[in-house]
C-alpha atoms as a PDB file:
ATOM      1  CA  MET A   1     -16.405  -1.105 -16.615  1.00  0.00           C
ATOM      2  CA  LEU A   2     -13.275  -2.131 -16.246  1.00  0.00           C
ATOM      3  CA  LYS A   3     -10.219   0.490 -17.575  1.00  0.00           C
ATOM      4  CA  GLU A   4      -7.422  -1.538 -18.561  1.00  0.00           C
ATOM      5  CA  MET A   5      -3.593  -0.029 -17.786  1.00  0.00           C
ATOM      6  CA  LYS A   6      -1.476   0.870 -21.150  1.00  0.00           C
ATOM      7  CA  GLU A   7       1.803  -1.505 -21.787  1.00  0.00           C
ATOM      8  CA  ASN A   8       4.039   0.520 -20.471  1.00  0.00           C
ATOM      9  CA  ASP A   9       2.167   3.233 -17.842  1.00  0.00           C
ATOM     10  CA  PHE A  10       3.546   3.381 -14.366  1.00  0.00           C
ATOM     11  CA  ILE A  11       1.393   3.938 -11.258  1.00  0.00           C
ATOM     12  CA  VAL A  12       3.342   5.485  -8.487  1.00  0.00           C
ATOM     13  CA  SER A  13       2.331   6.566  -5.294  1.00  0.00           C
ATOM     14  CA  LYS A  14       3.851   7.179  -2.189  1.00  0.00           C
ATOM     15  CA  THR A  15       2.340   6.808   1.173  1.00  0.00           C
ATOM     16  CA  ASP A  16       3.510   8.015   5.097  1.00  0.00           C
ATOM     17  CA  LEU A  17       4.003   5.304   7.134  1.00  0.00           C
ATOM     18  CA  LYS A  18       0.195   5.598   7.870  1.00  0.00           C
ATOM     19  CA  GLY A  19      -0.754   5.072   5.071  1.00  0.00           C
ATOM     20  CA  ARG A  20      -1.481   8.443   3.738  1.00  0.00           C
ATOM     21  CA  ILE A  21      -1.056   9.513   0.007  1.00  0.00           C
ATOM     22  CA  THR A  22       2.147  12.366   0.053  1.00  0.00           C
ATOM     23  CA  TYR A  23       2.842  11.813  -3.824  1.00  0.00           C
ATOM     24  CA  VAL A  24       1.052  10.474  -6.570  1.00  0.00           C
ATOM     25  CA  ASN A  25       2.303  10.005 -10.563  1.00  0.00           C
ATOM     26  CA  LYS A  26      -0.305  11.253 -13.547  1.00  0.00           C
ATOM     27  CA  ILE A  27      -0.571   7.910 -14.949  1.00  0.00           C
ATOM     28  CA  PHE A  28      -2.211   7.373 -11.144  1.00  0.00           C
ATOM     29  CA  MET A  29      -5.194   9.906 -11.493  1.00  0.00           C
ATOM     30  CA  GLU A  30      -5.969   9.362 -14.952  1.00  0.00           C
ATOM     31  CA  MET A  31      -6.218   5.974 -13.636  1.00  0.00           C
ATOM     32  CA  ALA A  32      -8.094   6.401 -10.670  1.00  0.00           C
ATOM     33  CA  GLU A  33      -9.627   9.641 -12.013  1.00  0.00           C
ATOM     34  CA  TYR A  34      -8.945  11.723  -9.209  1.00  0.00           C
ATOM     35  CA  LYS A  35      -7.155  15.350  -8.951  1.00  0.00           C
ATOM     36  CA  GLU A  36      -4.359  15.738  -6.742  1.00  0.00           C
ATOM     37  CA  ALA A  37      -5.502  18.132  -4.119  1.00  0.00           C
ATOM     38  CA  GLU A  38      -8.433  15.126  -3.997  1.00  0.00           C
ATOM     39  CA  LEU A  39      -5.466  11.955  -3.138  1.00  0.00           C
ATOM     40  CA  LEU A  40      -3.103  13.890  -1.484  1.00  0.00           C
ATOM     41  CA  GLY A  41      -3.591  13.353   2.681  1.00  0.00           C
ATOM     42  CA  LYS A  42      -6.444  10.852   2.109  1.00  0.00           C
ATOM     43  CA  PRO A  43      -6.006   7.053   2.960  1.00  0.00           C
ATOM     44  CA  HIS A  44      -4.359   4.892  -0.049  1.00  0.00           C
ATOM     45  CA  ASN A  45      -7.245   2.973   0.516  1.00  0.00           C
ATOM     46  CA  ILE A  46      -9.794   6.189  -0.901  1.00  0.00           C
ATOM     47  CA  ILE A  47      -8.955   3.340  -4.460  1.00  0.00           C
ATOM     48  CA  ARG A  48     -10.025   0.393  -1.971  1.00  0.00           C
ATOM     49  CA  HIS A  49     -11.960  -2.485  -3.790  1.00  0.00           C
ATOM     50  CA  GLN A  50     -14.542  -4.469  -1.984  1.00  0.00           C
ATOM     51  CA  ASP A  51     -13.534  -7.398  -4.205  1.00  0.00           C
ATOM     52  CA  MET A  52      -9.554  -7.270  -2.848  1.00  0.00           C
ATOM     53  CA  PRO A  53      -9.299  -9.389   0.075  1.00  0.00           C
ATOM     54  CA  ARG A  54      -8.120  -8.366   3.324  1.00  0.00           C
ATOM     55  CA  ALA A  55      -5.953 -10.543   4.297  1.00  0.00           C
ATOM     56  CA  VAL A  56      -4.148  -9.288   1.187  1.00  0.00           C
ATOM     57  CA  PHE A  57      -3.697  -6.381   2.851  1.00  0.00           C
ATOM     58  CA  LYS A  58      -2.536  -7.790   5.579  1.00  0.00           C
ATOM     59  CA  LEU A  59       0.069  -9.411   4.288  1.00  0.00           C
ATOM     60  CA  LEU A  60       0.907  -6.426   2.415  1.00  0.00           C
ATOM     61  CA  TRP A  61       1.605  -4.665   5.376  1.00  0.00           C
ATOM     62  CA  ASP A  62       3.033  -7.039   7.924  1.00  0.00           C
ATOM     63  CA  MET A  63       5.478  -7.461   5.130  1.00  0.00           C
ATOM     64  CA  VAL A  64       6.370  -3.600   4.173  1.00  0.00           C
ATOM     65  CA  GLN A  65       6.105  -2.429   7.629  1.00  0.00           C
ATOM     66  CA  ASN A  66       8.869  -5.577   8.354  1.00  0.00           C
ATOM     67  CA  GLY A  67      11.075  -3.338   5.578  1.00  0.00           C
ATOM     68  CA  GLU A  68      10.399  -5.867   3.543  1.00  0.00           C
ATOM     69  CA  GLU A  69       9.100  -5.138  -0.018  1.00  0.00           C
ATOM     70  CA  ILE A  70       5.785  -7.227  -1.678  1.00  0.00           C
ATOM     71  CA  PHE A  71       4.342  -7.771  -5.077  1.00  0.00           C
ATOM     72  CA  ALA A  72       0.603  -8.441  -5.110  1.00  0.00           C
ATOM     73  CA  TYR A  73      -2.252  -8.257  -7.702  1.00  0.00           C
ATOM     74  CA  VAL A  74      -4.461  -5.338  -6.892  1.00  0.00           C
ATOM     75  CA  ILE A  75      -7.963  -4.331  -7.840  1.00  0.00           C
ATOM     76  CA  ASN A  76      -8.698  -1.162  -7.526  1.00  0.00           C
ATOM     77  CA  ARG A  77     -12.388   1.417  -7.226  1.00  0.00           C
ATOM     78  CA  THR A  78     -12.268   4.644  -8.858  1.00  0.00           C
ATOM     79  CA  LYS A  79     -13.801   7.704  -7.896  1.00  0.00           C
ATOM     80  CA  ASN A  80     -16.094   7.109 -10.468  1.00  0.00           C
ATOM     81  CA  GLY A  81     -17.167   3.475  -9.459  1.00  0.00           C
ATOM     82  CA  ASN A  82     -14.948   1.889 -12.206  1.00  0.00           C
ATOM     83  CA  ASP A  83     -12.382  -0.505 -11.632  1.00  0.00           C
ATOM     84  CA  TYR A  84      -8.948  -1.989 -12.550  1.00  0.00           C
ATOM     85  CA  TRP A  85      -6.652  -3.689 -11.879  1.00  0.00           C
ATOM     86  CA  VAL A  86      -2.587  -3.680 -11.244  1.00  0.00           C
ATOM     87  CA  TYR A  87       1.006  -5.645 -10.348  1.00  0.00           C
ATOM     88  CA  ALA A  88       1.959  -3.292  -7.785  1.00  0.00           C
ATOM     89  CA  ASN A  89       5.346  -3.468  -6.024  1.00  0.00           C
ATOM     90  CA  ILE A  90       5.703  -1.940  -2.509  1.00  0.00           C
ATOM     91  CA  THR A  91       8.766  -1.136  -1.109  1.00  0.00           C
ATOM     92  CA  PRO A  92       9.365   1.356   2.297  1.00  0.00           C
ATOM     93  CA  SER A  93      10.632   3.842   2.475  1.00  0.00           C
ATOM     94  CA  TYR A  94      13.998   5.382   4.734  1.00  0.00           C
ATOM     95  CA  ASP A  95      15.534   9.004   5.459  1.00  0.00           C
ATOM     96  CA  ARG A  96      19.501   9.051   5.416  1.00  0.00           C
ATOM     97  CA  ASN A  97      19.189   7.659   9.090  1.00  0.00           C
ATOM     98  CA  LYS A  98      17.526   4.593   7.521  1.00  0.00           C
ATOM     99  CA  ASN A  99      14.367   5.896   9.724  1.00  0.00           C
ATOM    100  CA  LEU A 100      11.500   4.599   8.481  1.00  0.00           C
ATOM    101  CA  ILE A 101       9.507   7.168   7.082  1.00  0.00           C
ATOM    102  CA  GLY A 102       7.032   6.018   4.484  1.00  0.00           C
ATOM    103  CA  TYR A 103       6.175   3.646   1.256  1.00  0.00           C
ATOM    104  CA  TYR A 104       6.979   4.271  -2.259  1.00  0.00           C
ATOM    105  CA  SER A 105       4.408   1.828  -4.990  1.00  0.00           C
ATOM    106  CA  VAL A 106       4.928   1.352  -8.191  1.00  0.00           C
ATOM    107  CA  ARG A 107       1.534  -0.349  -9.927  1.00  0.00           C
ATOM    108  CA  ARG A 108       2.006  -2.246 -13.921  1.00  0.00           C
ATOM    109  CA  ARG A 109      -0.261  -3.583 -16.296  1.00  0.00           C
ATOM    110  CA  PRO A 110      -0.644  -6.954 -14.598  1.00  0.00           C
ATOM    111  CA  ASN A 111      -0.238 -10.416 -16.926  1.00  0.00           C
ATOM    112  CA  PRO A 112      -3.527 -11.523 -17.758  1.00  0.00           C
ATOM    113  CA  ALA A 113      -2.538 -14.897 -17.626  1.00  0.00           C
ATOM    114  CA  ALA A 114      -2.136 -14.181 -14.329  1.00  0.00           C
ATOM    115  CA  LEU A 115      -5.593 -12.224 -13.512  1.00  0.00           C
ATOM    116  CA  GLU A 116      -7.284 -16.313 -13.940  1.00  0.00           C
ATOM    117  CA  ILE A 117      -4.958 -17.628 -11.250  1.00  0.00           C
ATOM    118  CA  ILE A 118      -5.670 -14.246  -9.016  1.00  0.00           C
ATOM    119  CA  LYS A 119      -9.168 -13.505  -9.906  1.00  0.00           C
ATOM    120  CA  PRO A 120     -10.252 -17.276  -8.283  1.00  0.00           C
ATOM    121  CA  LEU A 121      -8.104 -17.255  -5.997  1.00  0.00           C
ATOM    122  CA  TYR A 122      -8.968 -14.012  -4.795  1.00  0.00           C
ATOM    123  CA  ALA A 123     -13.114 -14.859  -5.401  1.00  0.00           C
ATOM    124  CA  LYS A 124     -12.806 -18.126  -2.891  1.00  0.00           C
ATOM    125  CA  MET A 125     -10.648 -16.311   0.415  1.00  0.00           C
ATOM    126  CA  LEU A 126     -13.466 -13.796  -0.304  1.00  0.00           C
ATOM    127  CA  ASN A 127     -15.823 -16.434   0.501  1.00  0.00           C
ATOM    128  CA  ALA A 128     -13.459 -17.281   3.104  1.00  0.00           C
ATOM    129  CA  GLU A 129     -12.896 -14.418   5.393  1.00  0.00           C
ATOM    130  CA  ALA A 130     -17.567 -13.239   4.862  1.00  0.00           C
ATOM    131  CA  SER A 131     -17.509 -17.429   6.786  1.00  0.00           C
ATOM    132  CA  GLY A 132     -14.783 -17.318   8.684  1.00  0.00           C
ATOM    133  CA  GLY A 133     -12.750 -13.817   9.016  1.00  0.00           C
ATOM    134  CA  MET A 134      -9.470 -12.965   7.707  1.00  0.00           C
ATOM    135  CA  GLU A 135      -7.744 -16.645   9.624  1.00  0.00           C
ATOM    136  CA  ALA A 136      -9.774 -18.104   6.568  1.00  0.00           C
ATOM    137  CA  SER A 137      -8.302 -16.181   4.154  1.00  0.00           C
ATOM    138  CA  THR A 138      -5.223 -16.577   5.127  1.00  0.00           C
ATOM    139  CA  LYS A 139      -4.936 -20.347   5.502  1.00  0.00           C
ATOM    140  CA  ILE A 140      -6.571 -20.500   2.226  1.00  0.00           C
ATOM    141  CA  LEU A 141      -3.260 -18.594   0.502  1.00  0.00           C
ATOM    142  CA  THR A 142      -1.360 -20.715   3.152  1.00  0.00           C
ATOM    143  CA  ASP A 143      -1.814 -23.716   1.855  1.00  0.00           C
ATOM    144  CA  LEU A 144      -1.383 -23.088  -1.608  1.00  0.00           C
ATOM    145  CA  LEU A 145       1.689 -21.532  -0.798  1.00  0.00           C
ATOM    146  CA  HIS A 146       3.028 -24.872   0.677  1.00  0.00           C
ATOM    147  CA  GLU A 147       1.456 -26.780  -1.748  1.00  0.00           C
ATOM    148  CA  LYS A 148       3.191 -25.266  -4.291  1.00  0.00           C
ATOM    149  CA  GLY A 149       6.650 -24.965  -2.357  1.00  0.00           C
ATOM    150  CA  VAL A 150       6.605 -21.139  -2.403  1.00  0.00           C
ATOM    151  CA  GLY A 151       6.652 -18.071  -0.652  1.00  0.00           C
ATOM    152  CA  TYR A 152       4.435 -15.743  -1.253  1.00  0.00           C
ATOM    153  CA  ASN A 153       6.704 -13.062  -3.276  1.00  0.00           C
ATOM    154  CA  GLU A 154       7.948 -15.972  -5.507  1.00  0.00           C
ATOM    155  CA  LEU A 155       4.377 -17.220  -6.512  1.00  0.00           C
ATOM    156  CA  ILE A 156       3.444 -13.379  -7.711  1.00  0.00           C
ATOM    157  CA  ILE A 157       6.592 -12.700  -9.400  1.00  0.00           C
ATOM    158  CA  ASP A 158       6.681 -15.978 -10.958  1.00  0.00           C
ATOM    159  CA  ILE A 159       2.364 -16.169 -12.700  1.00  0.00           C
ATOM    160  CA  GLN A 160       3.685 -12.325 -14.011  1.00  0.00           C
ATOM    161  CA  GLY A 161       5.962 -13.884 -16.353  1.00  0.00           C
END
């Protein structure tokens, strides 16, 4: 079953540097169908969906570990096997001394028109990953960005509208 976020909902989570969950809000728990105790300390990929290209996650991690924020469309899998799409913004978190201490993510309802662009792109990337690995998947994405003459965040923000 596909679940949909409400228009004004925000899913919020924080992770440590290894991607282990340190905070989730109530909407995160409701959408993911987990209790807080089942999430805290667990890898954030506990909600990873098999239809999410690994190349997108690699880009995401590369950017945030480099101190950059990233916007991305992500499909997640709930504890009970349901799916839900989010429009995510992930940013690095720093302590008072400007040391990287983790990551902060806010997700909201994706624009349905944007998903009509993202779903076939992700399917193409997954197909490429299956036959040619992550490099082949990444090439599909970088070729699209080159063709449109934009960076990744610019593309994602633009199609969200």
